[in-house]
């Protein structure tokens, strides 16, 4: 699955402050890894319709991605999920939006 693809993922069960429910997420896994059948996991960043501020919450616009409303990526909620949790594939976000998510991931993981 291509990086930047918007998918619906069932995130339950969760604990504490983790994002829950079935929600759109952006796939951030390297496609070389995710296409290999030996690796059944995807790294995803959940999305929300609640505005966020700062590098950990980049904004995404509706359009070819399949998003119907402005959304914000919750980079601090980055997680790995089994591919079987994906219930729908929508579209792909713009390359500049993916670059902002990547910047947030580098910040969050201390990879700068």
C-alpha atoms as a PDB file:
ATOM      1  CA  UNK A   1       0.000   0.000   0.000  1.00  0.00           C
ATOM      2  CA  UNK A   2       1.375   3.374  -1.001  1.00  0.00           C
ATOM      3  CA  UNK A   3       2.580   5.803   1.678  1.00  0.00           C
ATOM      4  CA  UNK A   4       0.019   8.548   2.113  1.00  0.00           C
ATOM      5  CA  UNK A   5      -2.965   6.302   1.423  1.00  0.00           C
ATOM      6  CA  UNK A   6      -5.997   7.146   3.558  1.00  0.00           C
ATOM      7  CA  UNK A   7      -7.640   4.044   5.001  1.00  0.00           C
ATOM      8  CA  UNK A   8     -10.341   3.354   7.570  1.00  0.00           C
ATOM      9  CA  UNK A   9      -8.909   1.384  10.474  1.00  0.00           C
ATOM     10  CA  UNK A  10     -10.631  -0.189  13.445  1.00  0.00           C
ATOM     11  CA  UNK A  11      -8.427   0.964  16.336  1.00  0.00           C
ATOM     12  CA  UNK A  12     -10.317  -0.775  19.156  1.00  0.00           C
ATOM     13  CA  UNK A  13      -9.549  -2.053  21.696  1.00  0.00           C
ATOM     14  CA  UNK A  14      -7.671   0.871  23.192  1.00  0.00           C
ATOM     15  CA  UNK A  15      -6.576   2.145  26.590  1.00  0.00           C
ATOM     16  CA  UNK A  16      -6.208   5.565  28.141  1.00  0.00           C
ATOM     17  CA  UNK A  17      -5.774   8.442  25.708  1.00  0.00           C
ATOM     18  CA  UNK A  18      -5.347   6.333  22.562  1.00  0.00           C
ATOM     19  CA  UNK A  19      -7.586   7.211  19.626  1.00  0.00           C
ATOM     20  CA  UNK A  20     -10.414   4.736  19.421  1.00  0.00           C
ATOM     21  CA  UNK A  21     -13.051   3.505  17.063  1.00  0.00           C
ATOM     22  CA  UNK A  22     -13.069   3.111  13.301  1.00  0.00           C
ATOM     23  CA  UNK A  23     -11.455   6.195  11.821  1.00  0.00           C
ATOM     24  CA  UNK A  24      -9.474   7.364   8.825  1.00  0.00           C
ATOM     25  CA  UNK A  25      -5.712   6.983   9.093  1.00  0.00           C
ATOM     26  CA  UNK A  26      -2.768   7.756   6.825  1.00  0.00           C
ATOM     27  CA  UNK A  27      -0.444   4.857   5.979  1.00  0.00           C
ATOM     28  CA  UNK A  28       3.194   5.843   6.624  1.00  0.00           C
ATOM     29  CA  UNK A  29       4.878   2.439   6.179  1.00  0.00           C
ATOM     30  CA  UNK A  30       7.543   1.993   3.519  1.00  0.00           C
ATOM     31  CA  UNK A  31       5.667   0.230   0.673  1.00  0.00           C
ATOM     32  CA  UNK A  32       8.589  -2.151   0.085  1.00  0.00           C
ATOM     33  CA  UNK A  33       8.065  -3.479   3.598  1.00  0.00           C
ATOM     34  CA  UNK A  34       4.257  -3.408   3.657  1.00  0.00           C
ATOM     35  CA  UNK A  35       3.956  -5.272   0.335  1.00  0.00           C
ATOM     36  CA  UNK A  36       5.925  -8.242   1.696  1.00  0.00           C
ATOM     37  CA  UNK A  37       3.555 -10.931   2.978  1.00  0.00           C
ATOM     38  CA  UNK A  38       5.961 -11.696   5.833  1.00  0.00           C
ATOM     39  CA  UNK A  39       5.172  -8.295   7.353  1.00  0.00           C
ATOM     40  CA  UNK A  40       1.442  -8.166   8.232  1.00  0.00           C
ATOM     41  CA  UNK A  41       1.668  -4.769   9.941  1.00  0.00           C
ATOM     42  CA  UNK A  42       1.155  -1.181   8.768  1.00  0.00           C
ATOM     43  CA  UNK A  43       2.258   2.003  10.510  1.00  0.00           C
ATOM     44  CA  UNK A  44      -0.597   4.506  10.477  1.00  0.00           C
ATOM     45  CA  UNK A  45      -1.313   8.007  11.753  1.00  0.00           C
ATOM     46  CA  UNK A  46      -4.953   8.480  12.843  1.00  0.00           C
ATOM     47  CA  UNK A  47      -6.897  11.527  11.642  1.00  0.00           C
ATOM     48  CA  UNK A  48      -9.377  13.755  13.441  1.00  0.00           C
ATOM     49  CA  UNK A  49     -11.755  16.553  12.521  1.00  0.00           C
ATOM     50  CA  UNK A  50     -10.759  18.492  15.647  1.00  0.00           C
ATOM     51  CA  UNK A  51      -8.235  21.221  14.796  1.00  0.00           C
ATOM     52  CA  UNK A  52      -4.755  20.758  16.201  1.00  0.00           C
ATOM     53  CA  UNK A  53      -1.804  23.128  16.385  1.00  0.00           C
ATOM     54  CA  UNK A  54       1.880  22.541  15.850  1.00  0.00           C
ATOM     55  CA  UNK A  55       4.111  20.156  13.954  1.00  0.00           C
ATOM     56  CA  UNK A  56       2.510  17.061  15.504  1.00  0.00           C
ATOM     57  CA  UNK A  57      -0.917  17.952  14.058  1.00  0.00           C
ATOM     58  CA  UNK A  58      -0.530  18.830  10.352  1.00  0.00           C
ATOM     59  CA  UNK A  59      -3.701  19.756   8.498  1.00  0.00           C
ATOM     60  CA  UNK A  60      -5.116  17.829   5.534  1.00  0.00           C
ATOM     61  CA  UNK A  61      -7.589  19.116   2.961  1.00  0.00           C
ATOM     62  CA  UNK A  62     -10.532  17.236   1.477  1.00  0.00           C
ATOM     63  CA  UNK A  63     -10.145  16.055  -2.097  1.00  0.00           C
ATOM     64  CA  UNK A  64      -8.544  13.120  -3.931  1.00  0.00           C
ATOM     65  CA  UNK A  65      -7.564  11.628  -0.569  1.00  0.00           C
ATOM     66  CA  UNK A  66     -11.209  10.753  -0.023  1.00  0.00           C
ATOM     67  CA  UNK A  67     -11.474  13.044   2.990  1.00  0.00           C
ATOM     68  CA  UNK A  68     -14.796  14.898   3.058  1.00  0.00           C
ATOM     69  CA  UNK A  69     -13.769  17.600   5.513  1.00  0.00           C
ATOM     70  CA  UNK A  70     -10.592  19.311   6.711  1.00  0.00           C
ATOM     71  CA  UNK A  71      -8.730  16.927   9.003  1.00  0.00           C
ATOM     72  CA  UNK A  72      -5.645  16.869  11.208  1.00  0.00           C
ATOM     73  CA  UNK A  73      -3.100  14.075  11.477  1.00  0.00           C
ATOM     74  CA  UNK A  74      -2.427  12.949  15.046  1.00  0.00           C
ATOM     75  CA  UNK A  75       1.275  12.197  14.684  1.00  0.00           C
ATOM     76  CA  UNK A  76       1.567  11.606  18.442  1.00  0.00           C
ATOM     77  CA  UNK A  77      -0.879   8.685  17.966  1.00  0.00           C
ATOM     78  CA  UNK A  78       1.376   6.894  15.426  1.00  0.00           C
ATOM     79  CA  UNK A  79       0.871   3.149  15.756  1.00  0.00           C
ATOM     80  CA  UNK A  80       1.326  -0.192  14.088  1.00  0.00           C
ATOM     81  CA  UNK A  81      -1.787  -2.143  13.174  1.00  0.00           C
ATOM     82  CA  UNK A  82      -2.416  -5.493  11.566  1.00  0.00           C
ATOM     83  CA  UNK A  83      -3.447  -5.122   7.915  1.00  0.00           C
ATOM     84  CA  UNK A  84      -6.680  -6.952   8.789  1.00  0.00           C
ATOM     85  CA  UNK A  85      -7.791  -3.863  10.763  1.00  0.00           C
ATOM     86  CA  UNK A  86      -8.098  -1.908   7.488  1.00  0.00           C
ATOM     87  CA  UNK A  87     -11.765  -1.888   6.483  1.00  0.00           C
ATOM     88  CA  UNK A  88     -11.680   0.574   3.568  1.00  0.00           C
ATOM     89  CA  UNK A  89      -9.245   2.374   1.264  1.00  0.00           C
ATOM     90  CA  UNK A  90     -10.128   5.955   0.260  1.00  0.00           C
ATOM     91  CA  UNK A  91      -7.363   7.720  -1.686  1.00  0.00           C
ATOM     92  CA  UNK A  92      -3.944   9.343  -1.309  1.00  0.00           C
ATOM     93  CA  UNK A  93      -3.058  12.651   0.351  1.00  0.00           C
ATOM     94  CA  UNK A  94      -0.978  15.284  -1.451  1.00  0.00           C
ATOM     95  CA  UNK A  95       2.811  14.924  -1.336  1.00  0.00           C
ATOM     96  CA  UNK A  96       3.220  18.183   0.608  1.00  0.00           C
ATOM     97  CA  UNK A  97       0.753  16.939   3.246  1.00  0.00           C
ATOM     98  CA  UNK A  98       2.692  13.662   3.563  1.00  0.00           C
ATOM     99  CA  UNK A  99       5.925  15.676   3.905  1.00  0.00           C
ATOM    100  CA  UNK A 100       4.390  17.561   6.856  1.00  0.00           C
ATOM    101  CA  UNK A 101       3.396  14.267   8.496  1.00  0.00           C
ATOM    102  CA  UNK A 102       6.947  12.972   7.918  1.00  0.00           C
ATOM    103  CA  UNK A 103       8.363  16.119   9.573  1.00  0.00           C
ATOM    104  CA  UNK A 104       6.078  15.523  12.554  1.00  0.00           C
ATOM    105  CA  UNK A 105       7.154  11.873  12.788  1.00  0.00           C
ATOM    106  CA  UNK A 106      10.828  12.864  12.767  1.00  0.00           C
ATOM    107  CA  UNK A 107      10.143  15.356  15.557  1.00  0.00           C
ATOM    108  CA  UNK A 108       8.031  12.916  17.588  1.00  0.00           C
ATOM    109  CA  UNK A 109      10.597  10.101  17.313  1.00  0.00           C
ATOM    110  CA  UNK A 110      13.646  12.335  17.700  1.00  0.00           C
ATOM    111  CA  UNK A 111      15.015  11.510  14.232  1.00  0.00           C
ATOM    112  CA  UNK A 112      15.882  15.086  13.182  1.00  0.00           C
END
